[in-house]
Amino acid sequence: MYILMTHKSPHTSRLQQLFNSFGLHDCVEQPTHKMNHQPDVFVMHDTDQPLSVTIQPPMISDHALIITTVDTRVESVASETRPRVHRRCWVGHIQLQ
C-alpha cells in the first residue's frame, strides 16, 4: 500500500493490521489525491489480484478515479464434491395478515 509505506500513523498501522488479519491487501500503489497521498483503497483477498488498476487524475474532485478490472468467474466444482442442498417449498405455509 502506497499510503501505508509513506505515512506512519497509528490509524495507518491499524488498517494494515486489519488487512493482514483478514488476509487482504490494497491494490492501489500510487497517490489518489491532489495532495500526493493515498486516502483511497481497493481491497482484495491476498490470493487474488486485479486484472488491471488504472488511476485517472483528479478532475472534478480532489480524489482520483480508480478503475479496476477483476475476474469474477468462479471455477466450477465437480458434482461429486458439491454438497447437496435440500430446499423446502414454503408456498402455502406462510400466512400473511
C-alpha atoms as a PDB file:
ATOM      1  CA  MET A   1       0.000   0.000   0.000  1.00  0.00           C
ATOM      2  CA  TYR A   2       1.416   3.328  -1.008  1.00  0.00           C
ATOM      3  CA  ILE A   3      -0.056   5.237   1.928  1.00  0.00           C
ATOM      4  CA  LEU A   4       0.989   2.607   4.430  1.00  0.00           C
ATOM      5  CA  MET A   5       4.564   2.727   3.216  1.00  0.00           C
ATOM      6  CA  THR A   6       4.766   6.521   3.165  1.00  0.00           C
ATOM      7  CA  HIS A   7       2.533   7.678   6.011  1.00  0.00           C
ATOM      8  CA  LYS A   8       3.198   6.417   9.518  1.00  0.00           C
ATOM      9  CA  SER A   9       0.349   6.885  11.948  1.00  0.00           C
ATOM     10  CA  PRO A  10      -1.500   4.692  14.447  1.00  0.00           C
ATOM     11  CA  HIS A  11      -4.507   4.649  12.113  1.00  0.00           C
ATOM     12  CA  THR A  12      -2.442   3.523   9.146  1.00  0.00           C
ATOM     13  CA  SER A  13      -0.761   0.808  11.199  1.00  0.00           C
ATOM     14  CA  ARG A  14      -4.128  -0.392  12.485  1.00  0.00           C
ATOM     15  CA  LEU A  15      -5.552  -0.535   8.952  1.00  0.00           C
ATOM     16  CA  GLN A  16      -2.579  -2.639   7.826  1.00  0.00           C
ATOM     17  CA  GLN A  17      -3.080  -4.955  10.823  1.00  0.00           C
ATOM     18  CA  LEU A  18      -6.753  -5.386   9.925  1.00  0.00           C
ATOM     19  CA  PHE A  19      -5.915  -6.166   6.312  1.00  0.00           C
ATOM     20  CA  ASN A  20      -3.295  -8.704   7.393  1.00  0.00           C
ATOM     21  CA  SER A  21      -5.582 -10.375   9.932  1.00  0.00           C
ATOM     22  CA  PHE A  22      -8.268 -10.937   7.286  1.00  0.00           C
ATOM     23  CA  GLY A  23      -5.849 -11.910   4.511  1.00  0.00           C
ATOM     24  CA  LEU A  24      -6.449  -8.746   2.477  1.00  0.00           C
ATOM     25  CA  HIS A  25      -4.279  -6.321   0.535  1.00  0.00           C
ATOM     26  CA  ASP A  26      -4.676  -2.960  -1.170  1.00  0.00           C
ATOM     27  CA  CYS A  27      -4.315  -2.987  -4.965  1.00  0.00           C
ATOM     28  CA  VAL A  28      -3.688   0.760  -5.317  1.00  0.00           C
ATOM     29  CA  GLU A  29       0.018   1.577  -5.324  1.00  0.00           C
ATOM     30  CA  GLN A  30       0.115   5.289  -6.086  1.00  0.00           C
ATOM     31  CA  PRO A  31      -1.334   8.545  -4.808  1.00  0.00           C
ATOM     32  CA  THR A  32      -5.044   9.087  -5.386  1.00  0.00           C
ATOM     33  CA  HIS A  33      -5.341  12.620  -4.026  1.00  0.00           C
ATOM     34  CA  LYS A  34      -4.263  16.030  -5.327  1.00  0.00           C
ATOM     35  CA  MET A  35      -2.056  16.464  -2.248  1.00  0.00           C
ATOM     36  CA  ASN A  36       0.003  13.403  -3.342  1.00  0.00           C
ATOM     37  CA  HIS A  37      -1.214  10.855  -0.795  1.00  0.00           C
ATOM     38  CA  GLN A  38      -3.462   7.795  -0.969  1.00  0.00           C
ATOM     39  CA  PRO A  39      -6.674   8.024   1.065  1.00  0.00           C
ATOM     40  CA  ASP A  40      -8.472   5.662  -1.358  1.00  0.00           C
ATOM     41  CA  VAL A  41      -8.054   1.899  -1.440  1.00  0.00           C
ATOM     42  CA  PHE A  42      -9.256  -1.063  -3.477  1.00  0.00           C
ATOM     43  CA  VAL A  43      -9.015  -4.139  -1.266  1.00  0.00           C
ATOM     44  CA  MET A  44      -8.882  -7.782  -2.365  1.00  0.00           C
ATOM     45  CA  HIS A  45      -8.077 -11.120  -0.774  1.00  0.00           C
ATOM     46  CA  ASP A  46      -4.362 -11.976  -0.660  1.00  0.00           C
ATOM     47  CA  THR A  47      -4.859 -14.855  -3.105  1.00  0.00           C
ATOM     48  CA  ASP A  48      -6.488 -12.574  -5.709  1.00  0.00           C
ATOM     49  CA  GLN A  49      -5.031  -9.924  -7.979  1.00  0.00           C
ATOM     50  CA  PRO A  50      -6.885  -7.450 -10.184  1.00  0.00           C
ATOM     51  CA  LEU A  51      -6.502  -7.839 -13.933  1.00  0.00           C
ATOM     52  CA  SER A  52      -5.818  -4.112 -14.124  1.00  0.00           C
ATOM     53  CA  VAL A  53      -5.804  -0.998 -11.959  1.00  0.00           C
ATOM     54  CA  THR A  54      -5.926   2.414 -13.613  1.00  0.00           C
ATOM     55  CA  ILE A  55      -5.777   5.680 -11.703  1.00  0.00           C
ATOM     56  CA  GLN A  56      -7.341   8.613 -13.573  1.00  0.00           C
ATOM     57  CA  PRO A  57      -6.086  12.014 -12.392  1.00  0.00           C
ATOM     58  CA  PRO A  58      -8.428  14.119 -10.249  1.00  0.00           C
ATOM     59  CA  MET A  59     -10.658  16.376 -12.339  1.00  0.00           C
ATOM     60  CA  ILE A  60     -13.868  17.426 -10.592  1.00  0.00           C
ATOM     61  CA  SER A  61     -12.999  16.073  -7.161  1.00  0.00           C
ATOM     62  CA  ASP A  62      -9.715  16.227  -5.286  1.00  0.00           C
ATOM     63  CA  HIS A  63      -9.639  12.404  -5.466  1.00  0.00           C
ATOM     64  CA  ALA A  64      -8.595  10.340  -8.458  1.00  0.00           C
ATOM     65  CA  LEU A  65     -10.876   7.825 -10.141  1.00  0.00           C
ATOM     66  CA  ILE A  66      -9.789   4.227  -9.557  1.00  0.00           C
ATOM     67  CA  ILE A  67     -10.784   1.901 -12.411  1.00  0.00           C
ATOM     68  CA  THR A  68     -10.235  -1.762 -11.616  1.00  0.00           C
ATOM     69  CA  THR A  69     -10.894  -4.889 -13.651  1.00  0.00           C
ATOM     70  CA  VAL A  70     -11.338  -8.117 -11.700  1.00  0.00           C
ATOM     71  CA  ASP A  71     -12.101 -11.677 -12.710  1.00  0.00           C
ATOM     72  CA  THR A  72     -15.414 -12.632 -11.091  1.00  0.00           C
ATOM     73  CA  ARG A  73     -15.723 -16.050 -12.693  1.00  0.00           C
ATOM     74  CA  VAL A  74     -15.979 -18.932 -10.269  1.00  0.00           C
ATOM     75  CA  GLU A  75     -14.334 -22.216 -11.089  1.00  0.00           C
ATOM     76  CA  SER A  76     -16.953 -24.943 -11.346  1.00  0.00           C
ATOM     77  CA  VAL A  77     -16.942 -27.567  -8.632  1.00  0.00           C
ATOM     78  CA  ALA A  78     -17.243 -31.203  -9.640  1.00  0.00           C
ATOM     79  CA  SER A  79     -20.717 -32.558  -8.848  1.00  0.00           C
ATOM     80  CA  GLU A  80     -19.242 -35.331  -6.668  1.00  0.00           C
ATOM     81  CA  THR A  81     -17.718 -32.777  -4.290  1.00  0.00           C
ATOM     82  CA  ARG A  82     -20.567 -30.266  -4.367  1.00  0.00           C
ATOM     83  CA  PRO A  83     -22.707 -30.543  -1.223  1.00  0.00           C
ATOM     84  CA  ARG A  84     -26.347 -31.320  -1.773  1.00  0.00           C
ATOM     85  CA  VAL A  85     -28.801 -28.624  -0.818  1.00  0.00           C
ATOM     86  CA  HIS A  86     -32.375 -29.507   0.071  1.00  0.00           C
ATOM     87  CA  ARG A  87     -34.876 -26.688  -0.171  1.00  0.00           C
ATOM     88  CA  ARG A  88     -38.269 -26.610   1.389  1.00  0.00           C
ATOM     89  CA  CYS A  89     -41.269 -25.385  -0.548  1.00  0.00           C
ATOM     90  CA  TRP A  90     -42.817 -22.651   1.583  1.00  0.00           C
ATOM     91  CA  VAL A  91     -45.728 -21.861  -0.745  1.00  0.00           C
ATOM     92  CA  GLY A  92     -48.942 -22.221   1.215  1.00  0.00           C
ATOM     93  CA  HIS A  93     -47.133 -22.393   4.565  1.00  0.00           C
ATOM     94  CA  ILE A  94     -46.870 -18.672   5.210  1.00  0.00           C
ATOM     95  CA  GLN A  95     -49.907 -16.843   6.482  1.00  0.00           C
ATOM     96  CA  LEU A  96     -49.874 -13.112   5.925  1.00  0.00           C
ATOM     97  CA  GLN A  97     -52.180 -10.905   7.956  1.00  0.00           C
END
